[in-house]
């Protein structure tokens, strides 16, 4: 039995349609009648051979299915083949099945293939309807078509809106598109359900993990430090929404000493994220606020302020003690019960901790030094560009002619108290004249007078090549506030450990052990406080004596320069004209050559006779 549209020569009819004769589907109206073709089982082999010839222009899956002997899609394959031969020029088809081209990866002329594909894409001709000549096979096809219609109706919600508006009956392209949408949309929804199910915690995980562990921001404990009990808290608000707990921790630990950070889940009334940063002292909290207030966190500026102390135990209400008369008990009468322990079963006794009213905790009245207060009213705090000392500034004021009007007292290497003879002179003075020496001026009341002392630490065990300020700062950052470091070795003739000067608020002697890494090797570094320097005693790291000390009886002029005064022995120098502040110099006497003693090699004297 032969195929109806085939001629005697075995060629398809109307197979010479040119590309230029086909108009785009949005211009040409659907006026061409649909062809109806019939096939039989005898023609299956011939159709299969033709489909394999034009495999480059037909779906790869269809070609693979036919190669493996799947004849269930032969109607669909013949439908594609009929449209292919009707729309594509005969010369193009001959080029596609040329033997030389077939040897080069089955149709190596990509330009020809692209042109043929474009022809198929731009044509609006409907593919013909293919029927079986055998009645039993045609009935099976009709039954399958009905099942397909039922499938499309049942899965109608997966189909795209534009596809729904297209006619479904006998439109192979539309049906194919609808089936693809049903397949991929349902597959994507199933993957979402599986992902959501996998993300859900089981009952055991919820019980073991704890309540609300992943519901929001919680207390950060994975990097918690353990110094003294926190005494001050910093309140932070307006935290960026995209900020993470680790980013917040790194930001504040980089600006100061932080014991812990509390990140509540709830927001404030303005819907801002808030947090509480705990520090060990008020001074550390204040420094943290000053350093962090002007910095941007993730491109935004946060609101940072100090809060009242939350560790005041006097706010705790005393618990009542049953069975004890507070008026008759001499201890409880003058004290406060702030904690009660377990009650003995046999004995009617109650154990409790009592906080007595210690008179030493009362506010003490201090007397004011009227003379010093008068000096502060006519004084300013000046901050210098570089390290200086009182002696050098006194000589500078003398050269500029201000020595009778101004007196300078050294507070630190960069901070000086500049006092005037009267408040009127201070108000009328032009501070621009001293702009070459001082970078900033502040009022005395604006400065913080810290309850701290200065300690000198010897850094032992650090390799010589790692001696620099940044390394020493990182080693001593948890010990105190950095001031300076020094190591005077003339031409490296003798190596000694570097000395670090810090401001601390501890009374016990410091001996700290730290592990560091230098060039991949681990070193043990010890910070040891030098015992011969007391806290609060100011000893200059560099003192220059430029005054000429003349002794007429001995007949020589002594010009001395003392560098690096961190020595255990005392430097005893005496002179009525001596103005430098050396350690433990109390008496002023005439110079005696035998009374001059300088310790070790680091201090040196230049004598000109």
Protein backbone atom coordinates (compact mmCIF):
# COMPACT_ATOMS: atom_id res chain seq x y z
CA UNK A 1 0.00 0.00 0.00
CA UNK A 2 1.50 3.41 -1.02
CA UNK A 3 1.47 6.82 0.62
CA UNK A 4 -1.17 9.10 -0.88
CA UNK A 5 0.91 12.28 -1.50
CA UNK A 6 3.88 10.44 -3.00
CA UNK A 7 4.29 10.31 -6.80
CA UNK A 8 5.56 7.49 -8.96
CA UNK A 9 9.14 8.70 -8.61
CA UNK A 10 8.92 8.47 -4.84
CA UNK A 11 9.46 12.24 -4.39
CA UNK A 12 7.27 14.44 -2.18
CA UNK A 13 4.93 16.87 -3.91
CA UNK A 14 5.36 20.69 -3.56
CA UNK A 15 8.91 20.28 -2.30
CA UNK A 16 10.43 23.19 -4.23
CA UNK A 17 9.03 26.10 -2.16
CA UNK A 18 11.66 28.88 -2.02
CA UNK A 19 12.58 30.87 1.09
CA UNK A 20 11.71 34.16 -0.62
CA UNK A 21 8.18 32.94 -1.37
CA UNK A 22 7.44 32.41 2.36
CA UNK A 23 6.21 35.45 4.30
CA UNK A 24 6.59 35.82 8.08
CA UNK A 25 3.80 34.35 10.13
CA UNK A 26 2.75 37.74 11.51
CA UNK A 27 2.07 39.04 7.94
CA UNK A 28 0.70 36.07 6.02
CA UNK A 29 -2.80 34.98 6.96
CA UNK A 30 -3.63 31.37 7.62
CA UNK A 31 -5.28 30.73 4.28
CA UNK A 32 -3.48 27.52 3.27
CA UNK A 33 -5.59 24.45 3.80
CA UNK A 34 -4.20 21.71 5.96
CA UNK A 35 -3.11 18.55 4.11
CA UNK A 36 -4.31 15.14 5.20
CA UNK A 37 -1.84 12.32 4.54
CA UNK A 38 -2.11 8.59 5.10
CA UNK A 39 0.66 6.14 5.87
CA UNK A 40 0.85 2.41 6.36
CA UNK A 41 3.24 0.04 8.05
CA UNK A 42 4.89 -0.74 4.69
CA UNK A 43 6.15 2.84 4.36
CA UNK A 44 7.67 3.08 7.85
CA UNK A 45 11.14 1.98 6.76
CA UNK A 46 11.29 4.48 3.87
CA UNK A 47 10.12 7.36 6.10
CA UNK A 48 12.69 6.41 8.72
CA UNK A 49 15.54 6.57 6.16
CA UNK A 50 14.45 10.03 4.98
CA UNK A 51 14.23 11.37 8.54
CA UNK A 52 17.76 10.17 9.31
CA UNK A 53 19.04 11.97 6.21
CA UNK A 54 17.83 15.35 7.45
CA UNK A 55 18.79 14.77 11.06
CA UNK A 56 20.42 18.21 11.36
CA UNK A 57 17.02 19.91 10.91
CA UNK A 58 14.96 17.57 13.09
CA UNK A 59 15.01 17.17 16.86
CA UNK A 60 17.95 15.13 18.14
CA UNK A 61 15.74 13.13 20.49
CA UNK A 62 13.50 12.05 17.61
CA UNK A 63 16.46 10.92 15.51
CA UNK A 64 17.90 8.94 18.44
CA UNK A 65 14.51 7.31 19.08
CA UNK A 66 14.18 6.20 15.46
CA UNK A 67 17.75 4.88 15.43
CA UNK A 68 16.92 2.71 18.43
CA UNK A 69 13.81 1.27 16.72
CA UNK A 70 11.05 3.32 18.35
CA UNK A 71 8.30 3.39 15.69
CA UNK A 72 5.65 4.88 17.96
CA UNK A 73 6.58 8.39 16.88
CA UNK A 74 6.60 7.65 13.14
CA UNK A 75 3.49 9.84 12.53
CA UNK A 76 5.12 12.80 14.24
CA UNK A 77 8.39 12.18 12.33
CA UNK A 78 6.57 12.05 9.00
CA UNK A 79 4.76 15.27 9.95
CA UNK A 80 8.09 17.03 10.48
CA UNK A 81 9.55 15.55 7.32
CA UNK A 82 6.61 16.71 5.20
CA UNK A 83 6.92 20.29 6.44
CA UNK A 84 10.68 20.20 5.91
CA UNK A 85 10.47 19.11 2.27
CA UNK A 86 7.67 21.50 1.47
CA UNK A 87 9.33 24.64 2.82
CA UNK A 88 13.04 24.18 2.09
CA UNK A 89 14.48 24.64 -1.38
CA UNK A 90 15.45 21.45 -3.20
CA UNK A 91 19.01 22.68 -3.80
CA UNK A 92 19.47 23.24 -0.08
CA UNK A 93 18.30 19.72 0.64
CA UNK A 94 20.77 18.31 -1.87
CA UNK A 95 23.60 20.20 -0.16
CA UNK A 96 22.52 18.83 3.18
CA UNK A 97 22.67 15.22 2.03
CA UNK A 98 25.87 15.61 0.00
CA UNK A 99 28.27 12.75 0.72
CA UNK A 100 31.23 15.05 1.37
CA UNK A 101 29.23 17.07 3.87
CA UNK A 102 27.97 13.94 5.57
CA UNK A 103 31.56 12.83 6.14
CA UNK A 104 32.25 16.15 7.92
CA UNK A 105 30.16 15.68 11.05
CA UNK A 106 26.89 15.01 9.17
CA UNK A 107 26.35 18.32 7.39
CA UNK A 108 29.32 20.57 8.04
CA UNK A 109 28.06 23.61 6.07
CA UNK A 110 26.73 25.63 9.01
CA UNK A 111 25.57 28.51 6.79
CA UNK A 112 23.30 26.18 4.80
CA UNK A 113 21.92 24.61 7.97
CA UNK A 114 21.27 28.04 9.50
CA UNK A 115 19.44 29.20 6.37
CA UNK A 116 17.24 26.09 6.37
CA UNK A 117 16.40 26.52 10.06
CA UNK A 118 15.48 30.15 9.52
CA UNK A 119 13.13 29.12 6.70
CA UNK A 120 11.34 26.69 9.02
CA UNK A 121 11.11 29.29 11.76
CA UNK A 122 9.63 32.07 9.62
CA UNK A 123 6.97 29.93 7.88
CA UNK A 124 3.42 29.75 9.23
CA UNK A 125 2.38 26.68 7.22
CA UNK A 126 0.67 24.09 9.34
CA UNK A 127 2.08 20.64 9.28
CA UNK A 128 -0.19 18.07 7.63
CA UNK A 129 -2.38 15.70 9.53
CA UNK A 130 -1.09 12.15 9.22
CA UNK A 131 -3.45 9.19 9.51
CA UNK A 132 -2.97 5.43 9.44
CA UNK A 133 -4.57 3.46 6.67
CA UNK A 134 -5.08 0.55 9.07
CA UNK A 135 -8.27 1.04 11.08
CA UNK A 136 -6.97 -0.49 14.28
CA UNK A 137 -3.95 1.83 14.31
CA UNK A 138 -6.08 4.88 13.54
CA UNK A 139 -8.47 4.06 16.37
CA UNK A 140 -5.50 3.86 18.74
CA UNK A 141 -4.38 7.30 17.54
CA UNK A 142 -7.81 8.80 18.21
CA UNK A 143 -7.86 7.25 21.66
CA UNK A 144 -4.45 8.72 22.43
CA UNK A 145 -5.61 12.13 21.16
CA UNK A 146 -8.51 12.02 23.59
CA UNK A 147 -6.16 11.11 26.42
CA UNK A 148 -3.94 14.03 25.42
CA UNK A 149 -6.90 16.41 25.54
CA UNK A 150 -7.83 15.10 28.99
CA UNK A 151 -4.23 15.61 30.15
CA UNK A 152 -4.18 19.21 28.93
CA UNK A 153 -7.49 19.95 30.65
CA UNK A 154 -6.40 18.41 33.96
CA UNK A 155 -3.06 20.24 33.99
CA UNK A 156 -4.46 23.48 32.60
CA UNK A 157 -3.09 25.61 35.50
CA UNK A 158 0.53 24.87 34.48
CA UNK A 159 0.10 26.27 30.95
CA UNK A 160 1.17 29.84 30.17
CA UNK A 161 -1.50 32.48 29.55
CA UNK A 162 -0.39 33.17 25.96
CA UNK A 163 -0.44 29.46 25.16
CA UNK A 164 -3.97 29.13 26.54
CA UNK A 165 -5.25 31.71 24.05
CA UNK A 166 -3.92 29.68 21.09
CA UNK A 167 -6.18 27.01 19.54
CA UNK A 168 -5.28 23.62 21.00
CA UNK A 169 -7.07 21.26 18.65
CA UNK A 170 -4.84 19.89 15.89
CA UNK A 171 -2.10 22.47 16.56
CA UNK A 172 0.99 20.34 17.00
CA UNK A 173 3.26 23.26 17.94
CA UNK A 174 0.83 24.59 20.54
CA UNK A 175 0.29 21.15 22.05
CA UNK A 176 4.02 20.55 22.20
CA UNK A 177 4.57 23.91 23.87
CA UNK A 178 1.80 23.24 26.38
CA UNK A 179 3.27 19.84 27.26
CA UNK A 180 6.71 21.39 27.79
CA UNK A 181 5.24 24.03 30.09
CA UNK A 182 3.36 21.42 32.09
CA UNK A 183 6.53 19.35 32.44
CA UNK A 184 8.98 22.08 33.47
CA UNK A 185 6.59 24.14 35.63
CA UNK A 186 5.48 21.10 37.63
CA UNK A 187 9.11 19.96 37.95
CA UNK A 188 10.18 23.37 39.31
CA UNK A 189 7.33 23.41 41.82
CA UNK A 190 8.29 19.94 42.99
CA UNK A 191 11.88 21.04 43.53
CA UNK A 192 10.69 23.97 45.64
CA UNK A 193 8.67 21.64 47.85
CA UNK A 194 11.64 19.31 48.29
CA UNK A 195 13.90 22.26 49.16
CA UNK A 196 11.42 23.65 51.69
CA UNK A 197 11.02 20.22 53.24
CA UNK A 198 14.78 19.77 53.58
CA UNK A 199 15.13 23.20 55.21
CA UNK A 200 12.60 22.37 57.92
CA UNK A 201 14.07 21.29 61.23
CA UNK A 202 12.99 18.00 62.68
CA UNK A 203 11.53 17.73 66.16
CA UNK A 204 14.83 16.41 67.54
CA UNK A 205 16.81 19.28 65.99
CA UNK A 206 14.43 21.87 67.45
CA UNK A 207 14.67 20.35 70.93
CA UNK A 208 18.47 19.95 70.88
CA UNK A 209 19.27 23.29 69.26
CA UNK A 210 17.32 25.43 71.69
CA UNK A 211 14.55 27.96 71.49
CA UNK A 212 14.75 30.65 68.83
CA UNK A 213 18.36 30.03 67.86
CA UNK A 214 17.82 30.96 64.20
CA UNK A 215 14.94 33.41 64.65
CA UNK A 216 17.06 36.57 64.86
CA UNK A 217 20.01 38.27 66.47
CA UNK A 218 21.16 36.71 69.70
CA UNK A 219 23.88 37.16 72.28
CA UNK A 220 27.32 36.67 70.75
CA UNK A 221 29.30 34.19 72.82
CA UNK A 222 31.60 32.43 70.35
CA UNK A 223 34.33 35.06 70.78
CA UNK A 224 33.67 36.08 74.34
CA UNK A 225 36.61 37.34 76.36
CA UNK A 226 36.98 36.90 80.10
CA UNK A 227 38.55 39.96 81.76
CA UNK A 228 37.09 41.72 84.79
CA UNK A 229 33.33 42.05 85.22
CA UNK A 230 31.77 44.59 82.88
CA UNK A 231 31.13 47.97 84.42
CA UNK A 232 30.02 50.06 81.45
CA UNK A 233 27.71 49.56 78.50
CA UNK A 234 27.54 51.33 75.14
CA UNK A 235 24.16 51.62 73.40
CA UNK A 236 24.17 51.27 69.59
CA UNK A 237 21.24 51.98 67.25
CA UNK A 238 20.62 52.55 63.54
CA UNK A 239 22.59 49.42 62.62
CA UNK A 240 22.41 48.60 58.87
CA UNK A 241 19.89 45.89 58.03
CA UNK A 242 22.44 43.94 55.97
CA UNK A 243 24.89 43.78 58.91
CA UNK A 244 25.76 40.38 60.38
CA UNK A 245 26.76 39.54 63.94
CA UNK A 246 30.34 38.75 62.87
CA UNK A 247 30.67 42.13 61.11
CA UNK A 248 29.47 43.96 64.23
CA UNK A 249 31.92 42.05 66.43
CA UNK A 250 34.90 42.78 64.16
CA UNK A 251 33.98 46.48 63.92
CA UNK A 252 33.86 47.15 67.67
CA UNK A 253 36.74 44.87 68.70
CA UNK A 254 38.90 46.75 66.21
CA UNK A 255 38.13 50.05 67.96
CA UNK A 256 38.56 49.01 71.59
CA UNK A 257 38.34 46.33 74.26
CA UNK A 258 34.98 44.56 74.17
CA UNK A 259 33.83 41.92 76.64
CA UNK A 260 30.54 41.00 75.03
CA UNK A 261 27.92 42.21 72.55
CA UNK A 262 24.18 41.73 73.12
CA UNK A 263 22.05 41.85 69.97
CA UNK A 264 18.32 41.74 70.87
CA UNK A 265 15.79 40.36 68.44
CA UNK A 266 13.36 43.23 69.00
CA UNK A 267 13.83 46.64 67.38
CA UNK A 268 13.21 50.09 68.79
CA UNK A 269 10.06 52.15 68.16
CA UNK A 270 11.59 53.52 64.96
CA UNK A 271 12.19 49.96 63.63
CA UNK A 272 15.97 50.30 64.01
CA UNK A 273 18.23 47.40 65.01
CA UNK A 274 19.81 48.01 68.42
CA UNK A 275 22.63 46.41 70.40
CA UNK A 276 24.56 46.73 73.66
CA UNK A 277 28.36 46.59 73.78
CA UNK A 278 29.84 45.76 77.19
CA UNK A 279 33.29 46.90 78.31
CA UNK A 280 35.32 46.42 81.49
CA UNK A 281 35.60 50.10 82.49
CA UNK A 282 34.07 53.49 81.81
CA UNK A 283 37.31 54.70 80.25
CA UNK A 284 37.30 51.88 77.70
CA UNK A 285 33.64 52.56 76.91
CA UNK A 286 34.35 56.25 76.36
CA UNK A 287 37.30 55.50 74.08
CA UNK A 288 35.16 53.03 72.13
CA UNK A 289 32.49 55.70 71.62
CA UNK A 290 35.05 58.31 70.51
CA UNK A 291 36.68 55.97 67.97
CA UNK A 292 33.47 54.47 66.57
CA UNK A 293 31.25 57.55 66.47
CA UNK A 294 32.84 59.11 63.36
CA UNK A 295 33.41 55.85 61.43
CA UNK A 296 31.04 54.46 58.81
CA UNK A 297 29.83 50.89 59.26
CA UNK A 298 28.86 49.27 55.93
CA UNK A 299 28.46 52.75 54.43
CA UNK A 300 26.14 54.08 57.18
CA UNK A 301 26.67 56.07 60.38
CA UNK A 302 25.40 54.46 63.57
CA UNK A 303 24.10 56.19 66.71
CA UNK A 304 26.49 55.43 69.60
CA UNK A 305 26.09 56.62 73.20
CA UNK A 306 26.98 55.62 76.76
CA UNK A 307 24.45 54.15 79.18
CA UNK A 308 24.28 53.99 82.95
CA UNK A 309 26.03 51.15 84.71
CA UNK A 310 23.92 48.00 84.86
CA UNK A 311 26.08 46.34 87.54
CA UNK A 312 25.00 48.52 90.48
CA UNK A 313 24.10 46.00 93.18
CA UNK A 314 22.58 48.71 95.37
CA UNK A 315 19.52 48.74 93.07
CA UNK A 316 18.72 45.12 93.98
CA UNK A 317 15.83 44.93 96.39
CA UNK A 318 16.71 43.11 99.65
CA UNK A 319 14.91 39.84 100.19
CA UNK A 320 12.99 39.36 103.40
CA UNK A 321 14.26 36.84 105.95
CA UNK A 322 11.44 34.88 107.55
CA UNK A 323 11.71 34.23 111.28
CA UNK A 324 14.33 36.89 112.03
CA UNK A 325 13.61 40.29 113.55
CA UNK A 326 15.74 42.83 111.71
CA UNK A 327 15.41 45.41 114.51
CA UNK A 328 16.84 43.06 117.14
CA UNK A 329 19.60 41.59 115.00
CA UNK A 330 22.64 43.93 115.26
CA UNK A 331 24.12 42.73 111.94
CA UNK A 332 20.99 42.76 109.83
CA UNK A 333 19.87 46.03 111.37
CA UNK A 334 22.77 47.95 109.81
CA UNK A 335 23.00 45.90 106.65
CA UNK A 336 21.14 44.89 103.54
CA UNK A 337 20.22 41.30 102.75
CA UNK A 338 20.67 40.87 99.01
CA UNK A 339 20.82 37.05 98.72
CA UNK A 340 19.39 34.18 100.73
CA UNK A 341 20.50 30.56 100.61
CA UNK A 342 18.81 27.24 101.42
CA UNK A 343 16.95 26.72 104.69
CA UNK A 344 18.09 23.97 107.05
CA UNK A 345 15.44 21.32 107.66
CA UNK A 346 16.34 20.48 111.26
CA UNK A 347 17.58 23.85 112.49
CA UNK A 348 15.52 26.99 112.18
CA UNK A 349 18.47 29.00 110.92
CA UNK A 350 18.82 31.07 107.81
CA UNK A 351 22.11 31.62 106.00
CA UNK A 352 22.41 34.91 104.18
CA UNK A 353 24.99 37.28 102.81
CA UNK A 354 24.90 40.73 104.33
CA UNK A 355 26.25 43.93 102.84
CA UNK A 356 27.06 46.26 105.72
CA UNK A 357 27.00 50.04 105.52
CA UNK A 358 30.71 50.68 105.36
CA UNK A 359 31.49 54.32 106.26
CA UNK A 360 34.40 54.23 103.79
CA UNK A 361 31.93 54.21 100.88
CA UNK A 362 30.46 57.57 101.84
CA UNK A 363 31.12 60.61 99.69
CA UNK A 364 34.23 62.42 100.90
CA UNK A 365 34.44 66.18 100.70
CA UNK A 366 37.54 67.44 98.98
CA UNK A 367 39.21 70.80 99.50
CA UNK A 368 39.98 72.90 96.45
CA UNK A 369 43.44 74.26 95.79
CA UNK A 370 42.55 77.88 95.13
CA UNK A 371 45.94 78.69 93.64
CA UNK A 372 45.80 75.82 91.19
CA UNK A 373 42.22 76.64 90.26
CA UNK A 374 43.26 80.21 89.48
CA UNK A 375 46.04 78.90 87.24
CA UNK A 376 43.64 76.63 85.35
CA UNK A 377 41.29 79.55 84.64
CA UNK A 378 44.08 81.32 82.78
CA UNK A 379 45.51 78.25 81.04
CA UNK A 380 45.01 76.33 77.81
CA UNK A 381 45.88 72.78 76.75
CA UNK A 382 48.06 72.67 73.63
CA UNK A 383 48.58 69.58 71.46
CA UNK A 384 51.81 69.45 69.46
CA UNK A 385 52.63 68.08 66.02
CA UNK A 386 55.49 65.91 67.31
CA UNK A 387 57.10 64.79 70.55
CA UNK A 388 58.52 67.64 72.61
CA UNK A 389 59.50 68.37 76.20
CA UNK A 390 59.12 71.20 78.67
CA UNK A 391 62.73 72.37 78.50
CA UNK A 392 62.68 72.79 74.73
CA UNK A 393 59.41 74.72 74.80
CA UNK A 394 60.71 76.99 77.55
CA UNK A 395 63.66 77.93 75.35
CA UNK A 396 61.35 78.49 72.39
CA UNK A 397 59.17 80.86 74.42
CA UNK A 398 62.28 82.70 75.57
CA UNK A 399 63.53 83.15 72.00
CA UNK A 400 60.09 84.41 70.89
CA UNK A 401 59.90 86.83 73.81
CA UNK A 402 56.93 85.21 75.56
CA UNK A 403 58.82 83.77 78.56
CA UNK A 404 57.57 86.52 80.90
CA UNK A 405 53.99 86.15 79.74
CA UNK A 406 53.71 82.37 79.26
CA UNK A 407 54.82 79.38 81.32
CA UNK A 408 54.61 75.81 80.01
CA UNK A 409 54.09 72.61 82.00
CA UNK A 410 54.52 69.23 80.36
CA UNK A 411 51.58 66.83 80.75
CA UNK A 412 52.84 64.29 78.20
CA UNK A 413 55.07 64.19 75.14
CA UNK A 414 52.28 65.69 73.01
CA UNK A 415 50.17 67.61 75.54
CA UNK A 416 51.25 70.77 77.40
CA UNK A 417 49.60 73.15 79.87
CA UNK A 418 50.19 76.72 78.67
CA UNK A 419 49.57 79.23 81.51
CA UNK A 420 49.37 83.02 81.17
CA UNK A 421 50.03 85.74 83.72
CA UNK A 422 46.35 86.74 83.71
CA UNK A 423 43.10 85.75 82.10
CA UNK A 424 43.04 89.03 80.18
CA UNK A 425 46.39 88.20 78.62
CA UNK A 426 45.09 84.76 77.62
CA UNK A 427 41.97 86.21 75.96
CA UNK A 428 43.94 88.83 74.06
CA UNK A 429 46.77 86.51 73.01
CA UNK A 430 47.01 85.53 69.33
CA UNK A 431 47.44 81.75 69.34
CA UNK A 432 48.27 81.79 65.62
CA UNK A 433 51.77 82.91 66.62
CA UNK A 434 52.32 79.40 68.03
CA UNK A 435 50.71 77.53 65.11
CA UNK A 436 54.12 76.19 64.06
CA UNK A 437 54.38 74.30 67.34
CA UNK A 438 50.81 73.48 68.41
CA UNK A 439 48.25 71.78 66.20
CA UNK A 440 45.21 72.23 68.46
CA UNK A 441 44.10 74.19 71.52
CA UNK A 442 41.61 73.01 74.13
CA UNK A 443 40.15 74.35 77.33
CA UNK A 444 41.28 72.76 80.57
CA UNK A 445 37.73 71.72 81.46
CA UNK A 446 37.42 69.85 78.14
CA UNK A 447 40.25 67.44 78.99
CA UNK A 448 39.93 64.14 80.80
CA UNK A 449 42.06 63.66 83.88
CA UNK A 450 42.28 59.90 84.05
CA UNK A 451 42.66 57.87 87.21
CA UNK A 452 45.54 55.94 85.74
CA UNK A 453 49.22 55.43 86.19
CA UNK A 454 52.10 54.98 83.81
CA UNK A 455 53.92 51.65 83.75
CA UNK A 456 57.06 50.65 81.87
CA UNK A 457 57.04 47.15 80.41
CA UNK A 458 60.00 45.17 79.15
CA UNK A 459 59.18 43.05 76.08
CA UNK A 460 61.18 39.82 76.32
CA UNK A 461 61.50 37.08 73.72
CA UNK A 462 60.56 39.06 70.59
CA UNK A 463 62.97 38.58 67.67
CA UNK A 464 64.98 41.70 66.82
CA UNK A 465 63.68 41.96 63.23
CA UNK A 466 60.11 42.26 64.57
CA UNK A 467 60.84 45.31 66.73
CA UNK A 468 58.46 47.99 65.48
CA UNK A 469 55.65 50.05 66.90
CA UNK A 470 52.78 48.15 65.25
CA UNK A 471 53.94 44.78 66.61
CA UNK A 472 54.46 46.12 70.11
CA UNK A 473 51.06 47.79 70.04
CA UNK A 474 49.33 44.54 69.11
CA UNK A 475 51.18 42.67 71.87
CA UNK A 476 50.25 45.21 74.58
CA UNK A 477 46.75 46.20 73.40
CA UNK A 478 45.04 44.20 76.18
CA UNK A 479 47.36 45.51 78.89
CA UNK A 480 46.86 49.28 78.78
CA UNK A 481 46.73 52.44 76.69
CA UNK A 482 49.73 52.88 74.42
CA UNK A 483 52.07 55.83 74.94
CA UNK A 484 55.49 55.09 73.43
CA UNK A 485 58.37 52.63 73.17
CA UNK A 486 62.13 53.11 73.19
CA UNK A 487 65.35 51.21 72.59
CA UNK A 488 68.63 53.13 72.53
CA UNK A 489 71.49 51.03 71.19
CA UNK A 490 74.42 53.03 69.92
CA UNK A 491 75.36 51.57 66.50
CA UNK A 492 73.75 48.28 67.59
CA UNK A 493 76.78 47.57 69.75
CA UNK A 494 74.54 46.04 72.35
CA UNK A 495 71.01 44.64 71.97
CA UNK A 496 68.56 45.10 74.81
CA UNK A 497 64.86 44.38 75.02
CA UNK A 498 62.50 47.20 73.96
CA UNK A 499 60.76 49.17 76.72
CA UNK A 500 57.06 50.02 76.35
CA UNK A 501 55.32 52.78 78.32
CA UNK A 502 51.59 52.26 78.96
CA UNK A 503 48.80 53.90 80.93
CA UNK A 504 47.17 51.26 83.13
CA UNK A 505 44.48 51.12 85.81
CA UNK A 506 45.86 48.13 87.72
CA UNK A 507 47.68 48.07 91.04
CA UNK A 508 49.16 44.59 90.81
CA UNK A 509 52.47 43.95 89.07
CA UNK A 510 52.01 42.95 85.42
CA UNK A 511 53.57 39.77 84.03
CA UNK A 512 51.83 38.59 80.86
CA UNK A 513 52.69 35.77 78.46
CA UNK A 514 51.79 35.91 74.74
CA UNK A 515 52.36 33.59 71.77
CA UNK A 516 53.31 35.31 68.48
CA UNK A 517 54.38 34.11 65.02
CA UNK A 518 57.41 35.53 63.17
CA UNK A 519 58.17 34.16 59.67
CA UNK A 520 56.18 31.02 60.41
CA UNK A 521 57.96 30.38 63.74
CA UNK A 522 56.17 30.61 67.07
CA UNK A 523 57.79 32.76 69.77
CA UNK A 524 56.91 33.23 73.40
CA UNK A 525 56.81 36.91 74.36
CA UNK A 526 56.65 38.09 77.98
CA UNK A 527 55.61 41.59 79.06
CA UNK A 528 57.25 42.24 82.41
CA UNK A 529 56.71 45.42 84.38
CA UNK A 530 59.91 47.09 85.54
CA UNK A 531 59.74 47.25 89.36
CA UNK A 532 61.81 50.40 89.83
CA UNK A 533 59.19 52.65 88.20
CA UNK A 534 56.14 53.40 90.28
CA UNK A 535 52.69 54.08 88.84
CA UNK A 536 51.91 57.76 88.56
CA UNK A 537 55.57 58.88 88.62
CA UNK A 538 56.37 60.67 85.39
CA UNK A 539 59.77 59.79 83.98
CA UNK A 540 60.58 61.21 80.60
CA UNK A 541 61.74 58.85 77.92
CA UNK A 542 63.96 61.53 76.51
CA UNK A 543 65.26 64.56 78.44
CA UNK A 544 67.60 67.10 76.91
CA UNK A 545 69.55 69.47 79.13
CA UNK A 546 70.65 72.38 77.03
CA UNK A 547 71.55 74.75 79.85
CA UNK A 548 75.24 75.34 80.38
CA UNK A 549 76.27 74.45 83.89
CA UNK A 550 79.34 76.47 84.83
CA UNK A 551 81.50 75.79 87.87
CA UNK A 552 84.01 78.58 88.30
CA UNK A 553 86.17 76.68 90.81
CA UNK A 554 86.65 73.64 88.55
CA UNK A 555 86.80 75.82 85.40
CA UNK A 556 84.83 73.72 82.94
CA UNK A 557 81.48 73.96 81.12
CA UNK A 558 79.33 70.89 81.19
CA UNK A 559 76.77 70.28 78.42
CA UNK A 560 74.96 67.04 79.10
CA UNK A 561 72.43 65.12 77.16
CA UNK A 562 70.61 62.26 78.84
CA UNK A 563 68.85 59.84 76.51
CA UNK A 564 66.79 56.83 77.54
CA UNK A 565 66.36 57.28 81.29
CA UNK A 566 64.90 53.80 81.77
CA UNK A 567 67.66 52.61 84.10
CA UNK A 568 67.53 51.14 87.53
CA UNK A 569 70.19 53.43 89.00
CA UNK A 570 69.36 57.05 89.73
CA UNK A 571 71.00 59.91 87.87
CA UNK A 572 72.13 62.38 90.49
CA UNK A 573 72.68 65.87 89.13
CA UNK A 574 72.43 69.07 91.13
CA UNK A 575 72.42 72.70 90.14
CA UNK A 576 70.66 75.89 91.06
CA UNK A 577 70.08 76.62 87.37
CA UNK A 578 68.95 73.06 86.56
CA UNK A 579 65.36 72.99 85.14
CA UNK A 580 65.02 69.40 83.84
CA UNK A 581 62.88 66.82 85.67
CA UNK A 582 65.08 63.78 86.22
CA UNK A 583 63.90 60.82 88.26
CA UNK A 584 64.15 61.37 92.07
CA UNK A 585 65.93 64.70 91.86
CA UNK A 586 64.88 66.61 94.94
CA UNK A 587 67.83 68.63 96.19
CA UNK A 588 69.53 71.48 94.35
CA UNK A 589 73.22 71.72 95.08
CA UNK A 590 76.31 73.03 93.38
CA UNK A 591 77.92 70.77 90.82
CA UNK A 592 80.59 68.47 92.06
CA UNK A 593 82.39 66.29 89.54
CA UNK A 594 82.53 63.41 92.01
CA UNK A 595 78.78 63.68 92.57
CA UNK A 596 78.01 63.00 88.90
CA UNK A 597 76.96 59.38 88.27
CA UNK A 598 75.28 58.10 85.08
CA UNK A 599 74.21 54.46 84.75
CA UNK A 600 75.22 51.95 82.07
CA UNK A 601 76.16 52.58 78.49
CA UNK A 602 72.85 54.01 77.24
CA UNK A 603 73.35 57.33 79.08
CA UNK A 604 76.28 59.38 77.85
CA UNK A 605 77.89 62.75 78.63
CA UNK A 606 79.71 65.17 76.38
CA UNK A 607 82.18 67.37 78.29
CA UNK A 608 83.78 70.42 76.77
CA UNK A 609 86.70 72.01 78.70
